[in-house]
């Protein structure tokens, strides 16, 4: 303002007047620059878009005159909806489409329950396991420290709650807490074997439902997703207030049996109890649409059962008994003896989880079974080995599922009947 400038000149010497005028002009230019920045960005983006369009038309016209396709090997990106999208869309597209960037945001950590399976998962994903320290103090307390930055990463914790069940479960909870405090984006608990799955309902008064309790513990600790394999009862999924992905390890067993030279008319799939009929029916449908037989049993106590009757025809056939787990082996041994008595030529026992509580090894190696087929969802040791045992790996199956979850793709192995 010229009046302000004249007043300032009368009040101050000439040199001071010039300095004050320069300061006023500088502030005005800074304000104009600040207000015009978005407008200049839009003009620059629009100019760049117009220039790229003109260059493309020129290249297309020049190539068309020679009979060539100028964009035969081009990588096309969806059109931008605004000039700001035109500036940022290319970098966003490259980030979302670059597998290396996605892998850098993926971290897989292993608990102490089953490090061998975790290594198989990491090898399938083409990456190393995350670095962490897990140790126990003299009084039995668990200590966990993450040794690398996981800020903004999708973290997967691989830990089956197999025996010692309570120790492995507590270790998993402490791992979740350590990752949550390290500012990761999500925490997915990969639990190949869920230890408290059989405590999923009340069969008598004043009983606890431990499966629900464990679900609450995982959720409150900070877990954002759970990946389970061959849960004992699908109703357990409803106990969680967070997303649950359930896959079937029996698909690995199915592939193994398909590789054998069985004639379709010789196979019969046997459910060891009425509760396992849906699982056995879906398995039989995949296995050359084989017929189904059912063993009727009565459970007289924990880990105790009595076989009552056989529903179905097994005479002269290859009987394939299917269950989700083998604990003490009493049910399978009694069922195998009944199948042999009814004329079955061979008896195969198949289960995803090999708990093998004593005296399971003695029962399964007694000669009643042609082969016992399990997976490595639970660590296998030399003390649990016997001649008829075949252990299949689920490392690739879990690794593929982890990658699908991380990249927001559907988990295709969530229903055995499909």
Protein backbone atom coordinates (compact mmCIF):
# COMPACT_ATOMS: atom_id res chain seq x y z
CA UNK A 1 0.00 0.00 0.00
CA UNK A 2 1.56 3.32 -1.12
CA UNK A 3 0.08 5.18 1.86
CA UNK A 4 1.59 2.71 4.25
CA UNK A 5 4.90 3.02 2.45
CA UNK A 6 4.84 6.86 2.70
CA UNK A 7 3.98 6.72 6.37
CA UNK A 8 6.79 4.24 6.96
CA UNK A 9 9.20 6.54 5.11
CA UNK A 10 8.34 9.55 7.31
CA UNK A 11 8.81 7.51 10.47
CA UNK A 12 12.13 5.85 9.61
CA UNK A 13 15.40 6.66 7.83
CA UNK A 14 15.73 5.82 4.12
CA UNK A 15 17.79 2.62 4.59
CA UNK A 16 15.34 1.26 7.12
CA UNK A 17 12.45 2.12 4.80
CA UNK A 18 13.95 0.09 1.97
CA UNK A 19 14.54 -2.92 4.24
CA UNK A 20 10.96 -2.83 5.48
CA UNK A 21 9.58 -2.59 1.92
CA UNK A 22 11.70 -5.60 0.84
CA UNK A 23 10.33 -7.62 3.77
CA UNK A 24 6.73 -6.77 2.84
CA UNK A 25 7.31 -7.75 -0.80
CA UNK A 26 8.96 -11.03 0.25
CA UNK A 27 6.02 -11.95 2.45
CA UNK A 28 3.59 -11.18 -0.34
CA UNK A 29 5.52 -13.38 -2.80
CA UNK A 30 5.65 -16.25 -0.29
CA UNK A 31 1.90 -16.03 0.26
CA UNK A 32 1.26 -15.99 -3.49
CA UNK A 33 3.55 -19.02 -3.96
CA UNK A 34 1.78 -20.92 -1.22
CA UNK A 35 -1.69 -20.26 -2.62
CA UNK A 36 -0.71 -20.93 -6.24
CA UNK A 37 1.09 -24.26 -5.55
CA UNK A 38 -1.96 -26.53 -6.07
CA UNK A 39 -2.91 -24.61 -9.20
CA UNK A 40 0.61 -24.99 -10.63
CA UNK A 41 0.63 -28.72 -9.78
CA UNK A 42 -2.61 -29.24 -11.68
CA UNK A 43 -1.29 -27.26 -14.68
CA UNK A 44 1.95 -29.30 -14.68
CA UNK A 45 0.07 -32.59 -14.44
CA UNK A 46 -2.32 -31.58 -17.22
CA UNK A 47 0.61 -30.47 -19.41
CA UNK A 48 2.44 -33.74 -18.80
CA UNK A 49 -0.68 -35.77 -19.64
CA UNK A 50 -1.26 -33.78 -22.85
CA UNK A 51 2.38 -34.17 -23.89
CA UNK A 52 2.30 -37.94 -23.29
CA UNK A 53 -0.94 -38.24 -25.28
CA UNK A 54 0.53 -36.28 -28.21
CA UNK A 55 3.70 -38.38 -28.15
CA UNK A 56 1.61 -41.55 -28.17
CA UNK A 57 -0.44 -40.34 -31.13
CA UNK A 58 2.74 -39.42 -32.98
CA UNK A 59 4.32 -42.82 -32.34
CA UNK A 60 1.11 -44.59 -33.33
CA UNK A 61 0.83 -42.61 -36.59
CA UNK A 62 4.48 -43.20 -37.49
CA UNK A 63 4.26 -46.95 -36.79
CA UNK A 64 0.95 -47.32 -38.61
CA UNK A 65 2.52 -45.91 -41.76
CA UNK A 66 5.01 -48.80 -41.59
CA UNK A 67 2.37 -51.44 -40.77
CA UNK A 68 3.62 -52.05 -37.21
CA UNK A 69 1.85 -52.28 -33.85
CA UNK A 70 3.67 -49.76 -31.61
CA UNK A 71 2.11 -51.04 -28.37
CA UNK A 72 2.39 -54.76 -28.96
CA UNK A 73 4.54 -55.33 -25.84
CA UNK A 74 3.25 -52.38 -23.84
CA UNK A 75 2.13 -52.59 -20.20
CA UNK A 76 -1.16 -50.72 -19.87
CA UNK A 77 -2.38 -48.99 -16.73
CA UNK A 78 -6.06 -48.08 -16.16
CA UNK A 79 -6.89 -44.49 -17.08
CA UNK A 80 -6.63 -41.84 -14.37
CA UNK A 81 -9.81 -40.26 -13.11
CA UNK A 82 -8.13 -36.91 -12.33
CA UNK A 83 -4.89 -35.04 -12.93
CA UNK A 84 -3.73 -35.94 -9.43
CA UNK A 85 -4.35 -39.63 -10.20
CA UNK A 86 -2.30 -39.22 -13.37
CA UNK A 87 0.68 -38.09 -11.30
CA UNK A 88 0.47 -40.81 -8.60
CA UNK A 89 -1.15 -43.78 -10.36
CA UNK A 90 1.95 -45.12 -12.06
CA UNK A 91 3.97 -45.38 -8.85
CA UNK A 92 0.99 -46.98 -7.06
CA UNK A 93 0.58 -49.51 -9.85
CA UNK A 94 4.22 -50.50 -9.74
CA UNK A 95 4.14 -50.91 -5.97
CA UNK A 96 1.02 -53.08 -6.02
CA UNK A 97 2.24 -55.19 -8.92
CA UNK A 98 5.84 -55.69 -7.75
CA UNK A 99 6.17 -59.05 -6.03
CA UNK A 100 9.39 -57.93 -4.38
CA UNK A 101 7.65 -55.04 -2.64
CA UNK A 102 4.90 -57.37 -1.41
CA UNK A 103 7.44 -59.85 -0.11
CA UNK A 104 9.27 -57.10 1.80
CA UNK A 105 6.03 -56.35 3.63
CA UNK A 106 5.63 -60.06 4.57
CA UNK A 107 7.29 -61.43 7.70
CA UNK A 108 7.07 -65.04 8.90
CA UNK A 109 8.23 -65.91 12.41
CA UNK A 110 8.48 -69.33 13.99
CA UNK A 111 7.83 -70.32 17.54
CA UNK A 112 9.79 -73.08 19.22
CA UNK A 113 7.04 -75.69 18.75
CA UNK A 114 7.78 -76.66 15.13
CA UNK A 115 10.72 -74.78 13.53
CA UNK A 116 11.16 -77.43 10.81
CA UNK A 117 7.68 -76.77 9.39
CA UNK A 118 8.30 -73.03 9.54
CA UNK A 119 11.48 -73.48 7.50
CA UNK A 120 9.53 -75.38 4.85
CA UNK A 121 6.99 -72.55 4.68
CA UNK A 122 9.73 -69.94 4.33
CA UNK A 123 11.49 -71.97 1.61
CA UNK A 124 8.25 -72.18 -0.35
CA UNK A 125 7.80 -68.41 -0.07
CA UNK A 126 11.41 -67.82 -1.11
CA UNK A 127 12.34 -65.89 2.01
CA UNK A 128 14.09 -66.26 5.35
CA UNK A 129 12.32 -66.60 8.66
CA UNK A 130 12.16 -63.47 10.77
CA UNK A 131 14.72 -63.07 13.52
CA UNK A 132 13.57 -63.21 17.11
CA UNK A 133 14.70 -64.41 20.51
CA UNK A 134 12.60 -66.85 22.54
CA UNK A 135 13.85 -68.04 25.89
CA UNK A 136 12.60 -69.12 29.29
CA UNK A 137 13.67 -67.77 32.62
CA UNK A 138 14.53 -70.02 35.53
CA UNK A 139 10.99 -69.80 36.86
CA UNK A 140 9.47 -70.85 33.52
CA UNK A 141 8.40 -67.40 32.26
CA UNK A 142 8.60 -66.84 28.49
CA UNK A 143 10.61 -63.99 26.98
CA UNK A 144 10.23 -62.89 23.33
CA UNK A 145 12.04 -60.11 21.46
CA UNK A 146 11.72 -59.29 17.75
CA UNK A 147 15.18 -58.54 16.35
CA UNK A 148 14.13 -56.69 13.17
CA UNK A 149 11.77 -53.93 12.17
CA UNK A 150 8.24 -55.10 11.36
CA UNK A 151 6.60 -51.68 11.29
CA UNK A 152 3.77 -51.73 8.74
CA UNK A 153 4.32 -55.41 7.86
CA UNK A 154 1.94 -58.36 7.66
CA UNK A 155 3.28 -60.75 10.30
CA UNK A 156 2.56 -64.50 10.31
CA UNK A 157 3.37 -66.48 13.46
CA UNK A 158 3.70 -70.24 12.93
CA UNK A 159 3.05 -72.15 16.15
CA UNK A 160 1.05 -75.38 16.58
CA UNK A 161 -0.31 -75.78 20.10
CA UNK A 162 0.84 -79.38 20.33
CA UNK A 163 2.27 -80.96 23.49
CA UNK A 164 3.41 -79.31 25.69
CA UNK A 165 0.18 -77.53 24.83
CA UNK A 166 0.08 -74.89 27.54
CA UNK A 167 3.72 -73.86 27.07
CA UNK A 168 3.33 -73.48 23.31
CA UNK A 169 0.09 -71.55 23.70
CA UNK A 170 1.59 -69.11 26.20
CA UNK A 171 4.60 -68.63 23.95
CA UNK A 172 2.30 -67.78 21.06
CA UNK A 173 0.46 -65.20 23.15
CA UNK A 174 3.72 -63.51 24.15
CA UNK A 175 4.85 -63.49 20.50
CA UNK A 176 1.60 -61.77 19.52
CA UNK A 177 2.12 -59.12 22.19
CA UNK A 178 5.71 -58.47 21.06
CA UNK A 179 4.62 -58.02 17.45
CA UNK A 180 1.70 -55.78 18.38
CA UNK A 181 4.00 -53.47 20.33
CA UNK A 182 6.37 -53.35 17.32
CA UNK A 183 3.71 -51.54 15.22
CA UNK A 184 3.10 -54.22 12.61
CA UNK A 185 0.09 -53.84 10.33
CA UNK A 186 -1.51 -57.24 10.99
CA UNK A 187 -0.82 -60.41 12.99
CA UNK A 188 -1.95 -63.77 11.63
CA UNK A 189 -1.55 -66.83 13.85
CA UNK A 190 -0.83 -69.91 11.75
CA UNK A 191 -1.88 -72.82 13.98
CA UNK A 192 -1.48 -76.11 12.07
CA UNK A 193 -2.71 -78.05 15.10
CA UNK A 194 -5.15 -76.41 17.51
CA UNK A 195 -4.66 -78.11 20.86
CA UNK A 196 -7.94 -77.28 22.60
CA UNK A 197 -10.17 -78.00 19.62
CA UNK A 198 -11.92 -80.96 21.24
CA UNK A 199 -13.14 -78.84 24.16
CA UNK A 200 -15.65 -77.13 21.87
CA UNK A 201 -18.93 -77.86 23.68
CA UNK A 202 -20.42 -78.90 26.98
CA UNK A 203 -21.26 -82.58 27.36
CA UNK A 204 -22.03 -82.35 31.09
CA UNK A 205 -22.85 -79.72 33.65
CA UNK A 206 -20.26 -77.25 34.94
CA UNK A 207 -17.75 -77.97 32.14
CA UNK A 208 -15.57 -75.34 30.55
CA UNK A 209 -15.46 -74.63 26.81
CA UNK A 210 -11.70 -74.22 26.47
CA UNK A 211 -11.79 -73.71 22.70
CA UNK A 212 -13.77 -70.49 23.21
CA UNK A 213 -11.41 -69.40 25.99
CA UNK A 214 -8.35 -69.83 23.75
CA UNK A 215 -10.08 -67.89 20.97
CA UNK A 216 -10.66 -65.01 23.39
CA UNK A 217 -7.03 -65.11 24.55
CA UNK A 218 -5.69 -64.89 20.99
CA UNK A 219 -8.01 -62.03 20.13
CA UNK A 220 -7.30 -60.01 23.27
CA UNK A 221 -3.55 -60.51 22.87
CA UNK A 222 -3.71 -58.68 19.51
CA UNK A 223 -4.15 -61.36 16.85
CA UNK A 224 -6.03 -60.00 13.82
CA UNK A 225 -6.52 -63.25 11.87
CA UNK A 226 -6.21 -66.99 12.52
CA UNK A 227 -5.24 -69.70 10.04
CA UNK A 228 -6.37 -73.17 11.15
CA UNK A 229 -5.97 -76.57 9.52
CA UNK A 230 -8.44 -79.43 9.90
CA UNK A 231 -10.10 -78.15 13.05
CA UNK A 232 -11.87 -80.87 15.04
CA UNK A 233 -15.25 -79.17 14.73
CA UNK A 234 -16.12 -76.34 12.36
CA UNK A 235 -18.27 -74.68 15.03
CA UNK A 236 -14.99 -73.60 16.67
CA UNK A 237 -14.58 -71.00 13.91
CA UNK A 238 -17.62 -69.20 15.30
CA UNK A 239 -15.86 -68.68 18.63
CA UNK A 240 -13.58 -66.06 17.07
CA UNK A 241 -14.51 -62.40 16.66
CA UNK A 242 -11.75 -61.99 14.04
CA UNK A 243 -11.41 -63.48 10.51
CA UNK A 244 -10.56 -67.20 10.40
CA UNK A 245 -9.21 -69.08 7.38
CA UNK A 246 -9.68 -72.85 7.59
CA UNK A 247 -7.88 -75.23 5.24
CA UNK A 248 -7.86 -79.00 4.87
CA UNK A 249 -4.58 -80.88 5.25
CA UNK A 250 -6.44 -83.93 4.02
CA UNK A 251 -5.98 -82.57 0.49
CA UNK A 252 -2.31 -83.57 0.79
CA UNK A 253 -3.35 -87.09 1.83
CA UNK A 254 -5.80 -87.18 -1.06
CA UNK A 255 -3.03 -86.40 -3.55
CA UNK A 256 -0.88 -89.16 -2.03
CA UNK A 257 -3.62 -91.79 -2.26
CA UNK A 258 -4.45 -90.76 -5.82
CA UNK A 259 -0.86 -91.57 -6.81
CA UNK A 260 -1.34 -95.20 -5.70
CA UNK A 261 -2.54 -97.87 -8.13
CA UNK A 262 -5.96 -98.41 -6.59
CA UNK A 263 -8.84 -99.49 -8.78
CA UNK A 264 -11.82 -97.22 -8.10
CA UNK A 265 -14.18 -100.15 -7.57
CA UNK A 266 -11.91 -101.59 -4.83
CA UNK A 267 -11.92 -98.53 -2.56
CA UNK A 268 -14.27 -97.77 0.32
CA UNK A 269 -13.84 -94.75 2.60
CA UNK A 270 -14.66 -95.44 6.26
CA UNK A 271 -15.66 -92.85 8.84
CA UNK A 272 -14.59 -93.97 12.34
CA UNK A 273 -17.64 -92.26 13.90
CA UNK A 274 -20.89 -90.58 12.95
CA UNK A 275 -19.45 -87.10 13.55
CA UNK A 276 -16.85 -87.59 10.83
CA UNK A 277 -19.36 -88.54 8.11
CA UNK A 278 -19.36 -85.13 6.31
CA UNK A 279 -15.56 -85.17 6.16
CA UNK A 280 -15.45 -88.78 4.92
CA UNK A 281 -18.21 -88.17 2.35
CA UNK A 282 -16.38 -85.19 0.85
CA UNK A 283 -13.13 -87.18 0.82
CA UNK A 284 -14.80 -90.16 -0.89
CA UNK A 285 -16.27 -87.89 -3.56
CA UNK A 286 -12.79 -86.64 -4.40
CA UNK A 287 -11.35 -90.16 -4.34
CA UNK A 288 -13.04 -91.52 -7.49
CA UNK A 289 -16.47 -91.09 -5.88
CA UNK A 290 -15.82 -94.11 -3.64
CA UNK A 291 -18.57 -95.66 -1.49
CA UNK A 292 -18.86 -94.80 2.18
CA UNK A 293 -18.95 -96.96 5.31
CA UNK A 294 -19.56 -95.80 8.88
CA UNK A 295 -18.42 -97.27 12.19
CA UNK A 296 -20.89 -96.78 15.01
CA UNK A 297 -19.09 -96.32 18.31
CA UNK A 298 -19.91 -95.29 21.84
CA UNK A 299 -17.48 -93.15 23.80
CA UNK A 300 -17.30 -94.26 27.45
CA UNK A 301 -14.85 -91.61 28.63
CA UNK A 302 -12.02 -89.33 27.58
CA UNK A 303 -9.75 -91.21 25.13
CA UNK A 304 -11.95 -94.31 25.55
CA UNK A 305 -14.44 -95.67 23.02
CA UNK A 306 -16.18 -98.92 22.16
CA UNK A 307 -16.98 -100.01 18.59
CA UNK A 308 -20.55 -101.23 18.22
CA UNK A 309 -21.43 -101.81 14.56
CA UNK A 310 -20.41 -101.29 10.92
CA UNK A 311 -22.68 -99.65 8.38
CA UNK A 312 -21.66 -100.42 4.80
CA UNK A 313 -19.95 -103.10 2.71
CA UNK A 314 -16.17 -103.64 2.99
CA UNK A 315 -15.76 -107.31 2.03
CA UNK A 316 -12.79 -107.73 -0.35
CA UNK A 317 -12.15 -103.96 -0.53
CA UNK A 318 -9.37 -101.56 0.39
CA UNK A 319 -10.72 -99.70 3.43
CA UNK A 320 -9.43 -96.15 3.97
CA UNK A 321 -10.23 -94.88 7.46
CA UNK A 322 -10.26 -91.08 7.69
CA UNK A 323 -10.11 -88.93 10.82
CA UNK A 324 -8.88 -85.47 11.73
CA UNK A 325 -6.41 -86.70 14.37
CA UNK A 326 -4.92 -89.79 15.97
CA UNK A 327 -4.52 -89.45 19.73
CA UNK A 328 -4.15 -92.78 21.55
CA UNK A 329 -5.17 -94.81 18.50
CA UNK A 330 -7.78 -96.87 20.33
CA UNK A 331 -10.65 -95.92 18.04
CA UNK A 332 -8.69 -96.65 14.86
CA UNK A 333 -7.34 -99.97 16.14
CA UNK A 334 -10.80 -101.20 17.14
CA UNK A 335 -12.17 -100.04 13.79
CA UNK A 336 -9.38 -101.77 11.85
CA UNK A 337 -10.01 -105.05 13.68
CA UNK A 338 -13.72 -104.78 12.86
CA UNK A 339 -12.96 -104.05 9.18
CA UNK A 340 -10.61 -107.06 9.00
CA UNK A 341 -13.28 -109.24 10.58
CA UNK A 342 -15.79 -108.03 7.95
CA UNK A 343 -13.47 -109.09 5.11
CA UNK A 344 -11.50 -105.94 4.23
CA UNK A 345 -8.44 -106.80 2.16
CA UNK A 346 -6.32 -103.84 3.28
CA UNK A 347 -6.82 -101.13 5.88
CA UNK A 348 -5.29 -97.65 5.60
CA UNK A 349 -5.52 -95.12 8.44
CA UNK A 350 -5.37 -91.47 7.40
CA UNK A 351 -5.33 -88.42 9.69
CA UNK A 352 -4.00 -84.88 9.49
CA UNK A 353 -2.78 -84.54 13.08
CA UNK A 354 -0.55 -87.23 14.57
CA UNK A 355 -0.84 -86.54 18.31
CA UNK A 356 0.28 -90.11 19.14
CA UNK A 357 -0.26 -90.09 22.88
CA UNK A 358 0.91 -93.35 24.49
CA UNK A 359 0.22 -96.15 23.67
CA UNK A 360 -0.63 -94.99 20.11
CA UNK A 361 2.62 -96.17 18.51
CA UNK A 362 2.22 -99.70 19.90
CA UNK A 363 -1.39 -99.91 18.71
CA UNK A 364 -0.74 -98.56 15.22
CA UNK A 365 2.27 -100.82 14.64
CA UNK A 366 0.43 -103.97 15.76
CA UNK A 367 -0.13 -105.19 12.18
CA UNK A 368 -3.79 -104.27 11.79
CA UNK A 369 -2.94 -101.46 9.36
CA UNK A 370 -1.39 -101.70 5.92
CA UNK A 371 -0.23 -98.08 6.19
CA UNK A 372 -0.76 -95.15 8.53
CA UNK A 373 -0.69 -91.82 6.68
CA UNK A 374 -0.36 -88.53 8.60
CA UNK A 375 1.00 -85.01 8.03
CA UNK A 376 3.72 -83.04 9.80
CA UNK A 377 1.34 -80.54 11.43
CA UNK A 378 2.88 -81.84 14.67
CA UNK A 379 6.66 -82.40 14.92
CA UNK A 380 7.72 -85.96 14.17
CA UNK A 381 10.45 -87.58 16.24
CA UNK A 382 12.27 -90.89 16.01
CA UNK A 383 10.45 -92.16 19.11
CA UNK A 384 7.15 -91.87 17.22
CA UNK A 385 8.31 -93.80 14.16
CA UNK A 386 7.23 -97.30 13.07
CA UNK A 387 7.40 -99.24 9.77
CA UNK A 388 3.84 -98.58 8.59
CA UNK A 389 4.03 -94.80 9.13
CA UNK A 390 4.10 -92.29 6.25
CA UNK A 391 4.47 -88.58 7.06
CA UNK A 392 3.46 -86.03 4.41
CA UNK A 393 4.47 -82.37 4.49
CA UNK A 394 1.95 -79.53 4.59
CA UNK A 395 4.62 -76.83 4.30
CA UNK A 396 3.76 -75.95 0.70
CA UNK A 397 0.05 -75.91 1.47
CA UNK A 398 0.52 -73.50 4.38
CA UNK A 399 2.98 -71.38 2.41
CA UNK A 400 0.56 -71.01 -0.48
CA UNK A 401 -2.24 -70.08 1.90
CA UNK A 402 -0.08 -67.48 3.65
CA UNK A 403 0.77 -65.88 0.31
CA UNK A 404 -2.91 -65.76 -0.68
CA UNK A 405 -3.87 -64.14 2.62
CA UNK A 406 -1.04 -61.62 2.32
CA UNK A 407 -2.02 -60.65 -1.24
CA UNK A 408 -5.77 -60.59 -0.47
CA UNK A 409 -6.59 -63.54 -2.74
CA UNK A 410 -9.26 -66.15 -1.96
CA UNK A 411 -8.10 -69.17 0.02
CA UNK A 412 -9.14 -71.95 -2.35
CA UNK A 413 -8.53 -74.93 -0.05
CA UNK A 414 -11.14 -73.98 2.53
CA UNK A 415 -13.68 -76.59 1.46
CA UNK A 416 -12.74 -80.19 0.76
CA UNK A 417 -16.04 -80.89 -0.99
CA UNK A 418 -15.34 -78.43 -3.82
